[in-house]
Amino acid sequence: FQQAELKGVEYLGQVLAGLTLVGVAAAFPVLIPRTSYAVTVTDVFTFLLLAIAGPAAAVLAAAVDGAVSASRASRRLAPRLSTPAVGAIAMFVSGHMQVELAAALATAGLSPMAATFTSLSAVAPVFFVFSALPPNWLVSYKQRRRLDLLQWWVANSWVLALYLLSAAIAAVLYVNSLQVGV
């Protein structure tokens, strides 16, 4: 419902601008000491693209983020292939959930801005699970051990905090752009 206002060239321009921002931001990952993780500010742009242009644009953004970040952070082929794929799948699932949830919230009486803000924040944990759990499961599988979900949560819950913050910032930017008319 929020994407209905965008048409043709305006839509394409916003998607290309968002993908460019994601690509540039992803080129500068910050490696987290004593882990195999790298973080970027791209999640804000990805969630913002989800709000502005919908799940398809956000899936592209997640794939671009993963491809650029992995190519900068790792020399191994497996992360260079799996990172964009996992990110795209995670955003596909959470992006479509966000659209449905925003529509349901709007039907329930929330304003479109409140529905978008709430739904973006609500799907951040979904994005977290779908993007962080599969790579950790794969590492456990390759090491022939069971994935300890409690240990996984303790080691990775800070990533959820980053996703929640990114989604909230993106929602504020989106709502602000609607109010200002940008």
N, C-alpha and C. Protein backbone atom coordinates (compact mmCIF):
# COMPACT_ATOMS: atom_id res chain seq x y z
N PHE A 1 0.80 -1.20 0.00
CA PHE A 1 0.00 0.00 0.00
C PHE A 1 0.84 1.26 0.00
N GLN A 2 2.01 1.26 0.65
CA GLN A 2 2.83 2.46 0.65
C GLN A 2 3.58 2.64 -0.67
N GLN A 3 3.75 1.57 -1.43
CA GLN A 3 4.46 1.67 -2.70
C GLN A 3 3.56 2.15 -3.83
N ALA A 4 2.27 2.24 -3.60
CA ALA A 4 1.32 2.57 -4.67
C ALA A 4 1.55 3.96 -5.25
N GLU A 5 2.15 4.86 -4.47
CA GLU A 5 2.34 6.23 -4.93
C GLU A 5 3.49 6.34 -5.94
N LEU A 6 4.39 5.42 -5.94
CA LEU A 6 5.55 5.49 -6.83
C LEU A 6 5.23 4.89 -8.18
N LYS A 7 5.60 5.59 -9.23
CA LYS A 7 5.33 5.11 -10.58
C LYS A 7 6.57 5.32 -11.45
N GLY A 8 6.78 4.39 -12.35
CA GLY A 8 7.75 4.52 -13.42
C GLY A 8 9.13 5.03 -13.05
N VAL A 9 9.48 6.17 -13.63
CA VAL A 9 10.83 6.72 -13.50
C VAL A 9 11.14 7.10 -12.06
N GLU A 10 10.17 7.64 -11.34
CA GLU A 10 10.40 8.01 -9.94
C GLU A 10 10.76 6.77 -9.13
N TYR A 11 10.03 5.68 -9.35
CA TYR A 11 10.29 4.43 -8.66
C TYR A 11 11.69 3.92 -8.99
N LEU A 12 12.00 3.88 -10.27
CA LEU A 12 13.31 3.40 -10.71
C LEU A 12 14.43 4.27 -10.14
N GLY A 13 14.23 5.57 -10.15
CA GLY A 13 15.24 6.48 -9.61
C GLY A 13 15.49 6.25 -8.13
N GLN A 14 14.42 6.05 -7.37
CA GLN A 14 14.58 5.81 -5.93
C GLN A 14 15.25 4.47 -5.67
N VAL A 15 14.90 3.47 -6.44
CA VAL A 15 15.52 2.15 -6.26
C VAL A 15 17.00 2.22 -6.61
N LEU A 16 17.34 2.84 -7.73
CA LEU A 16 18.75 2.95 -8.13
C LEU A 16 19.55 3.78 -7.12
N ALA A 17 18.96 4.85 -6.62
CA ALA A 17 19.64 5.66 -5.60
C ALA A 17 19.87 4.83 -4.33
N GLY A 18 18.85 4.08 -3.92
CA GLY A 18 18.99 3.24 -2.74
C GLY A 18 20.03 2.14 -2.92
N LEU A 19 20.03 1.50 -4.08
CA LEU A 19 21.02 0.47 -4.35
C LEU A 19 22.43 1.04 -4.39
N THR A 20 22.56 2.25 -4.92
CA THR A 20 23.87 2.90 -4.94
C THR A 20 24.35 3.18 -3.52
N LEU A 21 23.47 3.70 -2.67
CA LEU A 21 23.83 3.95 -1.27
C LEU A 21 24.23 2.66 -0.57
N VAL A 22 23.50 1.60 -0.83
CA VAL A 22 23.82 0.30 -0.23
C VAL A 22 25.19 -0.17 -0.71
N GLY A 23 25.44 -0.08 -2.01
CA GLY A 23 26.72 -0.53 -2.56
C GLY A 23 27.90 0.25 -2.01
N VAL A 24 27.75 1.56 -1.90
CA VAL A 24 28.84 2.40 -1.38
C VAL A 24 29.06 2.10 0.11
N ALA A 25 27.97 2.04 0.88
CA ALA A 25 28.11 1.77 2.31
C ALA A 25 28.66 0.37 2.57
N ALA A 26 28.28 -0.59 1.76
CA ALA A 26 28.76 -1.96 1.94
C ALA A 26 30.24 -2.10 1.63
N ALA A 27 30.77 -1.17 0.87
CA ALA A 27 32.20 -1.23 0.51
C ALA A 27 33.11 -0.93 1.69
N PHE A 28 32.52 -0.51 2.80
CA PHE A 28 33.33 -0.17 3.97
C PHE A 28 32.86 -0.92 5.21
N PRO A 29 32.98 -2.27 5.19
CA PRO A 29 32.56 -3.04 6.37
C PRO A 29 33.54 -2.83 7.53
N VAL A 30 32.98 -2.86 8.72
CA VAL A 30 33.79 -2.77 9.93
C VAL A 30 33.85 -4.17 10.51
N LEU A 31 35.05 -4.73 10.57
CA LEU A 31 35.22 -6.08 11.11
C LEU A 31 35.12 -6.03 12.63
N ILE A 32 34.35 -6.94 13.19
CA ILE A 32 34.19 -7.03 14.63
C ILE A 32 35.34 -7.89 15.17
N PRO A 33 36.13 -7.36 16.11
CA PRO A 33 37.27 -8.11 16.63
C PRO A 33 36.86 -9.46 17.23
N ARG A 34 37.68 -10.46 17.04
CA ARG A 34 37.53 -11.82 17.57
C ARG A 34 36.28 -12.52 17.06
N THR A 35 35.73 -12.07 15.92
CA THR A 35 34.61 -12.77 15.30
C THR A 35 34.84 -12.81 13.80
N SER A 36 33.94 -13.49 13.10
CA SER A 36 34.00 -13.49 11.64
C SER A 36 32.98 -12.51 11.06
N TYR A 37 32.46 -11.63 11.91
CA TYR A 37 31.42 -10.70 11.48
C TYR A 37 32.00 -9.36 11.04
N ALA A 38 31.28 -8.77 10.10
CA ALA A 38 31.55 -7.40 9.68
C ALA A 38 30.20 -6.69 9.62
N VAL A 39 30.15 -5.44 10.06
CA VAL A 39 28.91 -4.68 10.03
C VAL A 39 29.07 -3.47 9.13
N THR A 40 27.95 -3.04 8.58
CA THR A 40 27.90 -1.84 7.75
C THR A 40 26.64 -1.07 8.11
N VAL A 41 26.49 0.11 7.57
CA VAL A 41 25.27 0.89 7.80
C VAL A 41 24.22 0.60 6.73
N THR A 42 24.45 -0.40 5.93
CA THR A 42 23.56 -0.68 4.81
C THR A 42 22.16 -1.11 5.23
N ASP A 43 22.02 -1.68 6.41
CA ASP A 43 20.71 -2.17 6.83
C ASP A 43 19.69 -1.04 6.92
N VAL A 44 20.12 0.15 7.31
CA VAL A 44 19.21 1.29 7.33
C VAL A 44 18.68 1.55 5.93
N PHE A 45 19.57 1.56 4.94
CA PHE A 45 19.15 1.82 3.56
C PHE A 45 18.28 0.69 3.01
N THR A 46 18.58 -0.54 3.41
CA THR A 46 17.79 -1.69 2.95
C THR A 46 16.37 -1.62 3.50
N PHE A 47 16.25 -1.36 4.80
CA PHE A 47 14.91 -1.23 5.39
C PHE A 47 14.18 0.00 4.84
N LEU A 48 14.91 1.06 4.56
CA LEU A 48 14.29 2.25 3.96
C LEU A 48 13.78 1.93 2.56
N LEU A 49 14.55 1.20 1.78
CA LEU A 49 14.07 0.78 0.46
C LEU A 49 12.84 -0.11 0.58
N LEU A 50 12.79 -0.94 1.59
CA LEU A 50 11.61 -1.76 1.82
C LEU A 50 10.39 -0.87 2.03
N ALA A 51 10.53 0.17 2.83
CA ALA A 51 9.40 1.07 3.10
C ALA A 51 9.01 1.86 1.86
N ILE A 52 9.99 2.34 1.12
CA ILE A 52 9.72 3.22 -0.01
C ILE A 52 9.30 2.45 -1.26
N ALA A 53 10.02 1.39 -1.57
CA ALA A 53 9.84 0.74 -2.87
C ALA A 53 9.35 -0.70 -2.80
N GLY A 54 9.28 -1.28 -1.62
CA GLY A 54 8.73 -2.62 -1.49
C GLY A 54 9.77 -3.72 -1.41
N PRO A 55 9.29 -4.96 -1.26
CA PRO A 55 10.17 -6.10 -1.05
C PRO A 55 11.16 -6.37 -2.19
N ALA A 56 10.75 -6.18 -3.43
CA ALA A 56 11.65 -6.50 -4.55
C ALA A 56 12.92 -5.64 -4.48
N ALA A 57 12.75 -4.35 -4.24
CA ALA A 57 13.90 -3.45 -4.15
C ALA A 57 14.76 -3.79 -2.93
N ALA A 58 14.10 -4.15 -1.82
CA ALA A 58 14.85 -4.50 -0.61
C ALA A 58 15.62 -5.80 -0.79
N VAL A 59 15.06 -6.75 -1.53
CA VAL A 59 15.77 -8.00 -1.82
C VAL A 59 17.03 -7.70 -2.63
N LEU A 60 16.90 -6.86 -3.64
CA LEU A 60 18.08 -6.45 -4.42
C LEU A 60 19.11 -5.78 -3.52
N ALA A 61 18.65 -4.90 -2.64
CA ALA A 61 19.57 -4.20 -1.74
C ALA A 61 20.29 -5.17 -0.82
N ALA A 62 19.57 -6.15 -0.28
CA ALA A 62 20.20 -7.14 0.59
C ALA A 62 21.23 -7.97 -0.16
N ALA A 63 20.93 -8.30 -1.42
CA ALA A 63 21.88 -9.05 -2.23
C ALA A 63 23.12 -8.21 -2.55
N VAL A 64 22.92 -6.95 -2.91
CA VAL A 64 24.05 -6.05 -3.18
C VAL A 64 24.89 -5.89 -1.92
N ASP A 65 24.23 -5.67 -0.79
CA ASP A 65 24.94 -5.54 0.49
C ASP A 65 25.79 -6.77 0.76
N GLY A 66 25.19 -7.94 0.63
CA GLY A 66 25.92 -9.17 0.90
C GLY A 66 27.07 -9.39 -0.06
N ALA A 67 26.84 -9.11 -1.33
CA ALA A 67 27.89 -9.33 -2.33
C ALA A 67 29.08 -8.40 -2.11
N VAL A 68 28.79 -7.12 -1.91
CA VAL A 68 29.88 -6.15 -1.73
C VAL A 68 30.59 -6.37 -0.40
N SER A 69 29.81 -6.54 0.67
CA SER A 69 30.42 -6.75 1.99
C SER A 69 31.28 -8.00 2.04
N ALA A 70 30.76 -9.10 1.50
CA ALA A 70 31.51 -10.36 1.54
C ALA A 70 32.77 -10.28 0.69
N SER A 71 32.69 -9.59 -0.44
CA SER A 71 33.88 -9.49 -1.28
C SER A 71 34.96 -8.64 -0.62
N ARG A 72 34.56 -7.72 0.23
CA ARG A 72 35.53 -6.88 0.94
C ARG A 72 36.04 -7.53 2.23
N ALA A 73 35.20 -8.37 2.85
CA ALA A 73 35.55 -8.92 4.16
C ALA A 73 36.17 -10.30 4.09
N SER A 74 36.01 -11.02 2.98
CA SER A 74 36.50 -12.40 2.91
C SER A 74 37.08 -12.70 1.53
N ARG A 75 38.07 -13.55 1.53
CA ARG A 75 38.67 -13.99 0.27
C ARG A 75 38.12 -15.35 -0.17
N ARG A 76 37.38 -15.99 0.71
CA ARG A 76 36.85 -17.32 0.42
C ARG A 76 35.61 -17.24 -0.45
N LEU A 77 35.43 -18.23 -1.32
CA LEU A 77 34.31 -18.24 -2.25
C LEU A 77 32.97 -18.49 -1.54
N ALA A 78 32.96 -19.38 -0.55
CA ALA A 78 31.69 -19.72 0.11
C ALA A 78 30.99 -18.49 0.70
N PRO A 79 31.67 -17.65 1.48
CA PRO A 79 30.97 -16.46 1.98
C PRO A 79 30.58 -15.48 0.87
N ARG A 80 31.38 -15.42 -0.17
CA ARG A 80 31.07 -14.50 -1.28
C ARG A 80 29.80 -14.92 -2.01
N LEU A 81 29.49 -16.21 -2.01
CA LEU A 81 28.27 -16.70 -2.64
C LEU A 81 27.10 -16.78 -1.67
N SER A 82 27.37 -17.27 -0.47
CA SER A 82 26.26 -17.50 0.47
C SER A 82 25.74 -16.22 1.11
N THR A 83 26.60 -15.25 1.35
CA THR A 83 26.15 -14.03 2.04
C THR A 83 25.07 -13.28 1.25
N PRO A 84 25.27 -13.01 -0.06
CA PRO A 84 24.18 -12.34 -0.78
C PRO A 84 22.92 -13.21 -0.91
N ALA A 85 23.10 -14.51 -1.04
CA ALA A 85 21.94 -15.40 -1.18
C ALA A 85 21.11 -15.43 0.10
N VAL A 86 21.78 -15.59 1.22
CA VAL A 86 21.08 -15.62 2.51
C VAL A 86 20.41 -14.28 2.79
N GLY A 87 21.10 -13.19 2.51
CA GLY A 87 20.51 -11.86 2.72
C GLY A 87 19.27 -11.65 1.86
N ALA A 88 19.35 -12.07 0.61
CA ALA A 88 18.20 -11.91 -0.29
C ALA A 88 17.01 -12.74 0.17
N ILE A 89 17.27 -13.98 0.58
CA ILE A 89 16.18 -14.84 1.06
C ILE A 89 15.57 -14.26 2.34
N ALA A 90 16.43 -13.82 3.25
CA ALA A 90 15.95 -13.23 4.51
C ALA A 90 15.09 -12.01 4.24
N MET A 91 15.51 -11.16 3.32
CA MET A 91 14.73 -9.95 3.02
C MET A 91 13.47 -10.29 2.24
N PHE A 92 13.51 -11.32 1.41
CA PHE A 92 12.30 -11.75 0.70
C PHE A 92 11.21 -12.12 1.71
N VAL A 93 11.57 -12.95 2.68
CA VAL A 93 10.60 -13.39 3.68
C VAL A 93 10.15 -12.21 4.54
N SER A 94 11.09 -11.47 5.11
CA SER A 94 10.70 -10.38 6.01
C SER A 94 10.05 -9.23 5.25
N GLY A 95 10.47 -8.98 4.03
CA GLY A 95 9.87 -7.90 3.24
C GLY A 95 8.40 -8.17 2.93
N HIS A 96 8.10 -9.39 2.53
CA HIS A 96 6.70 -9.71 2.25
C HIS A 96 5.87 -9.73 3.53
N MET A 97 6.48 -10.16 4.63
CA MET A 97 5.77 -10.10 5.91
C MET A 97 5.48 -8.65 6.29
N GLN A 98 6.43 -7.76 6.03
CA GLN A 98 6.25 -6.34 6.37
C GLN A 98 5.09 -5.74 5.59
N VAL A 99 5.00 -6.03 4.31
CA VAL A 99 3.91 -5.50 3.49
C VAL A 99 2.56 -5.99 4.01
N GLU A 100 2.47 -7.29 4.30
CA GLU A 100 1.21 -7.85 4.80
C GLU A 100 0.86 -7.29 6.18
N LEU A 101 1.85 -7.18 7.03
CA LEU A 101 1.61 -6.65 8.38
C LEU A 101 1.21 -5.18 8.32
N ALA A 102 1.86 -4.38 7.49
CA ALA A 102 1.50 -2.97 7.36
C ALA A 102 0.07 -2.82 6.85
N ALA A 103 -0.31 -3.64 5.89
CA ALA A 103 -1.68 -3.60 5.37
C ALA A 103 -2.69 -4.00 6.45
N ALA A 104 -2.37 -5.03 7.22
CA ALA A 104 -3.26 -5.46 8.29
C ALA A 104 -3.39 -4.40 9.37
N LEU A 105 -2.29 -3.76 9.72
CA LEU A 105 -2.32 -2.70 10.73
C LEU A 105 -3.11 -1.50 10.24
N ALA A 106 -2.96 -1.17 8.97
CA ALA A 106 -3.72 -0.05 8.40
C ALA A 106 -5.21 -0.39 8.38
N THR A 107 -5.54 -1.62 8.05
CA THR A 107 -6.94 -2.06 8.06
C THR A 107 -7.51 -2.00 9.48
N ALA A 108 -6.65 -2.27 10.46
CA ALA A 108 -7.08 -2.25 11.86
C ALA A 108 -7.22 -0.83 12.40
N GLY A 109 -6.84 0.17 11.61
CA GLY A 109 -7.06 1.55 12.04
C GLY A 109 -5.82 2.39 12.25
N LEU A 110 -4.63 1.82 12.13
CA LEU A 110 -3.43 2.63 12.26
C LEU A 110 -3.25 3.48 11.01
N SER A 111 -2.65 4.63 11.18
CA SER A 111 -2.34 5.45 10.02
C SER A 111 -1.29 4.72 9.18
N PRO A 112 -1.21 5.02 7.89
CA PRO A 112 -0.19 4.37 7.06
C PRO A 112 1.23 4.57 7.61
N MET A 113 1.51 5.75 8.14
CA MET A 113 2.85 5.98 8.70
C MET A 113 3.10 5.12 9.93
N ALA A 114 2.12 5.05 10.83
CA ALA A 114 2.27 4.23 12.04
C ALA A 114 2.35 2.74 11.67
N ALA A 115 1.57 2.33 10.69
CA ALA A 115 1.59 0.93 10.26
C ALA A 115 2.95 0.57 9.67
N THR A 116 3.51 1.47 8.88
CA THR A 116 4.83 1.21 8.29
C THR A 116 5.90 1.18 9.37
N PHE A 117 5.86 2.15 10.28
CA PHE A 117 6.84 2.19 11.37
C PHE A 117 6.79 0.91 12.20
N THR A 118 5.59 0.52 12.58
CA THR A 118 5.42 -0.67 13.42
C THR A 118 5.84 -1.94 12.67
N SER A 119 5.42 -2.05 11.42
CA SER A 119 5.72 -3.27 10.66
C SER A 119 7.20 -3.40 10.34
N LEU A 120 7.88 -2.30 10.05
CA LEU A 120 9.32 -2.37 9.80
C LEU A 120 10.05 -2.85 11.06
N SER A 121 9.66 -2.31 12.20
CA SER A 121 10.31 -2.72 13.45
C SER A 121 9.97 -4.17 13.80
N ALA A 122 8.76 -4.59 13.46
CA ALA A 122 8.33 -5.95 13.80
C ALA A 122 9.02 -7.02 12.97
N VAL A 123 9.39 -6.70 11.73
CA VAL A 123 10.01 -7.73 10.89
C VAL A 123 11.53 -7.79 11.04
N ALA A 124 12.12 -6.86 11.76
CA ALA A 124 13.58 -6.91 11.97
C ALA A 124 14.01 -8.23 12.62
N PRO A 125 13.30 -8.74 13.63
CA PRO A 125 13.69 -10.05 14.18
C PRO A 125 13.58 -11.19 13.17
N VAL A 126 12.61 -11.11 12.27
CA VAL A 126 12.47 -12.14 11.22
C VAL A 126 13.70 -12.10 10.31
N PHE A 127 14.09 -10.89 9.92
CA PHE A 127 15.28 -10.73 9.08
C PHE A 127 16.51 -11.28 9.82
N PHE A 128 16.59 -11.01 11.10
CA PHE A 128 17.70 -11.51 11.91
C PHE A 128 17.78 -13.02 11.89
N VAL A 129 16.67 -13.68 12.16
CA VAL A 129 16.66 -15.15 12.22
C VAL A 129 17.03 -15.75 10.86
N PHE A 130 16.42 -15.22 9.80
CA PHE A 130 16.65 -15.79 8.47
C PHE A 130 18.03 -15.44 7.91
N SER A 131 18.66 -14.39 8.42
CA SER A 131 19.99 -14.05 7.90
C SER A 131 21.13 -14.55 8.79
N ALA A 132 20.88 -14.71 10.07
CA ALA A 132 21.96 -15.12 10.98
C ALA A 132 21.97 -16.61 11.30
N LEU A 133 20.82 -17.23 11.32
CA LEU A 133 20.77 -18.64 11.71
C LEU A 133 21.32 -19.59 10.64
N PRO A 134 20.95 -19.46 9.36
CA PRO A 134 21.46 -20.43 8.37
C PRO A 134 22.99 -20.50 8.27
N PRO A 135 23.71 -19.38 8.25
CA PRO A 135 25.18 -19.52 8.19
C PRO A 135 25.75 -20.21 9.43
N ASN A 136 25.19 -19.93 10.59
CA ASN A 136 25.67 -20.58 11.81
C ASN A 136 25.34 -22.06 11.82
N TRP A 137 24.16 -22.41 11.31
CA TRP A 137 23.80 -23.82 11.20
C TRP A 137 24.77 -24.52 10.25
N LEU A 138 25.10 -23.88 9.14
CA LEU A 138 26.00 -24.49 8.17
C LEU A 138 27.39 -24.74 8.76
N VAL A 139 27.89 -23.79 9.53
CA VAL A 139 29.18 -23.98 10.20
C VAL A 139 29.10 -25.16 11.16
N SER A 140 28.04 -25.25 11.92
CA SER A 140 27.86 -26.38 12.84
C SER A 140 27.79 -27.70 12.07
N TYR A 141 27.08 -27.70 10.98
CA TYR A 141 26.95 -28.90 10.15
C TYR A 141 28.32 -29.33 9.61
N LYS A 142 29.10 -28.37 9.12
CA LYS A 142 30.42 -28.69 8.57
C LYS A 142 31.35 -29.21 9.66
N GLN A 143 31.15 -28.76 10.89
CA GLN A 143 31.98 -29.22 12.01
C GLN A 143 31.40 -30.47 12.69
N ARG A 144 30.32 -30.99 12.11
CA ARG A 144 29.66 -32.21 12.59
C ARG A 144 29.23 -32.11 14.06
N ARG A 145 28.62 -30.97 14.38
CA ARG A 145 28.07 -30.80 15.73
C ARG A 145 26.71 -30.14 15.62
N ARG A 146 25.89 -30.34 16.65
CA ARG A 146 24.56 -29.74 16.67
C ARG A 146 24.69 -28.26 16.96
N LEU A 147 23.78 -27.50 16.39
CA LEU A 147 23.74 -26.07 16.66
C LEU A 147 23.06 -25.86 18.01
N ASP A 148 23.77 -25.27 18.93
CA ASP A 148 23.23 -24.94 20.24
C ASP A 148 22.55 -23.58 20.12
N LEU A 149 21.22 -23.56 20.12
CA LEU A 149 20.49 -22.32 19.91
C LEU A 149 20.72 -21.30 21.02
N LEU A 150 20.89 -21.75 22.24
CA LEU A 150 21.18 -20.81 23.32
C LEU A 150 22.54 -20.16 23.10
N GLN A 151 23.52 -20.96 22.76
CA GLN A 151 24.85 -20.42 22.49
C GLN A 151 24.80 -19.48 21.27
N TRP A 152 24.03 -19.87 20.25
CA TRP A 152 23.86 -19.01 19.07
C TRP A 152 23.25 -17.68 19.47
N TRP A 153 22.21 -17.72 20.31
CA TRP A 153 21.55 -16.49 20.74
C TRP A 153 22.51 -15.60 21.53
N VAL A 154 23.25 -16.18 22.45
CA VAL A 154 24.19 -15.40 23.25
C VAL A 154 25.25 -14.75 22.36
N ALA A 155 25.71 -15.48 21.37
CA ALA A 155 26.77 -14.97 20.49
C ALA A 155 26.27 -13.98 19.46
N ASN A 156 24.97 -14.03 19.10
CA ASN A 156 24.48 -13.23 17.97
C ASN A 156 23.37 -12.24 18.30
N SER A 157 22.92 -12.18 19.54
CA SER A 157 21.79 -11.30 19.86
C SER A 157 22.11 -9.84 19.60
N TRP A 158 23.37 -9.46 19.66
CA TRP A 158 23.74 -8.07 19.37
C TRP A 158 23.41 -7.70 17.93
N VAL A 159 23.40 -8.69 17.03
CA VAL A 159 23.05 -8.42 15.63
C VAL A 159 21.58 -8.03 15.55
N LEU A 160 20.74 -8.68 16.34
CA LEU A 160 19.32 -8.32 16.38
C LEU A 160 19.16 -6.86 16.81
N ALA A 161 19.93 -6.44 17.79
CA ALA A 161 19.86 -5.04 18.23
C ALA A 161 20.20 -4.09 17.09
N LEU A 162 21.20 -4.45 16.29
CA LEU A 162 21.56 -3.61 15.14
C LEU A 162 20.43 -3.57 14.11
N TYR A 163 19.80 -4.72 13.85
CA TYR A 163 18.69 -4.76 12.90
C TYR A 163 17.49 -3.96 13.40
N LEU A 164 17.18 -4.09 14.69
CA LEU A 164 16.07 -3.32 15.25
C LEU A 164 16.34 -1.83 15.16
N LEU A 165 17.55 -1.43 15.46
CA LEU A 165 17.92 -0.02 15.36
C LEU A 165 17.86 0.45 13.91
N SER A 166 18.36 -0.34 12.99
CA SER A 166 18.33 0.01 11.57
C SER A 166 16.90 0.16 11.07
N ALA A 167 16.03 -0.77 11.45
CA ALA A 167 14.63 -0.71 11.02
C ALA A 167 13.94 0.52 11.60
N ALA A 168 14.22 0.83 12.86
CA ALA A 168 13.61 2.01 13.49
C ALA A 168 14.11 3.30 12.83
N ILE A 169 15.39 3.38 12.55
CA ILE A 169 15.93 4.57 11.87
C ILE A 169 15.32 4.71 10.48
N ALA A 170 15.24 3.60 9.75
CA ALA A 170 14.63 3.63 8.43
C ALA A 170 13.17 4.07 8.50
N ALA A 171 12.45 3.58 9.50
CA ALA A 171 11.04 3.96 9.67
C ALA A 171 10.91 5.45 9.96
N VAL A 172 11.77 5.96 10.82
CA VAL A 172 11.74 7.40 11.12
C VAL A 172 12.06 8.21 9.86
N LEU A 173 13.05 7.80 9.11
CA LEU A 173 13.39 8.50 7.86
C LEU A 173 12.23 8.46 6.87
N TYR A 174 11.57 7.31 6.77
CA TYR A 174 10.45 7.16 5.86
C TYR A 174 9.28 8.05 6.27
N VAL A 175 8.92 7.99 7.54
CA VAL A 175 7.82 8.81 8.03
C VAL A 175 8.14 10.29 7.88
N ASN A 176 9.38 10.65 8.17
CA ASN A 176 9.80 12.04 8.02
C ASN A 176 9.71 12.48 6.56
N SER A 177 10.11 11.61 5.64
CA SER A 177 10.04 11.97 4.22
C SER A 177 8.59 12.15 3.76
N LEU A 178 7.68 11.37 4.32
CA LEU A 178 6.27 11.55 3.98
C LEU A 178 5.72 12.85 4.54
N GLN A 179 6.11 13.19 5.76
CA GLN A 179 5.61 14.42 6.38
C GLN A 179 6.19 15.67 5.72
N VAL A 180 7.46 15.61 5.35
CA VAL A 180 8.11 16.77 4.73
C VAL A 180 7.77 16.84 3.24
N GLY A 181 7.52 15.67 2.68
CA GLY A 181 7.17 15.63 1.25
C GLY A 181 8.37 15.44 0.34
N VAL A 182 9.41 14.83 0.85
CA VAL A 182 10.60 14.59 0.04
C VAL A 182 10.44 13.32 -0.73
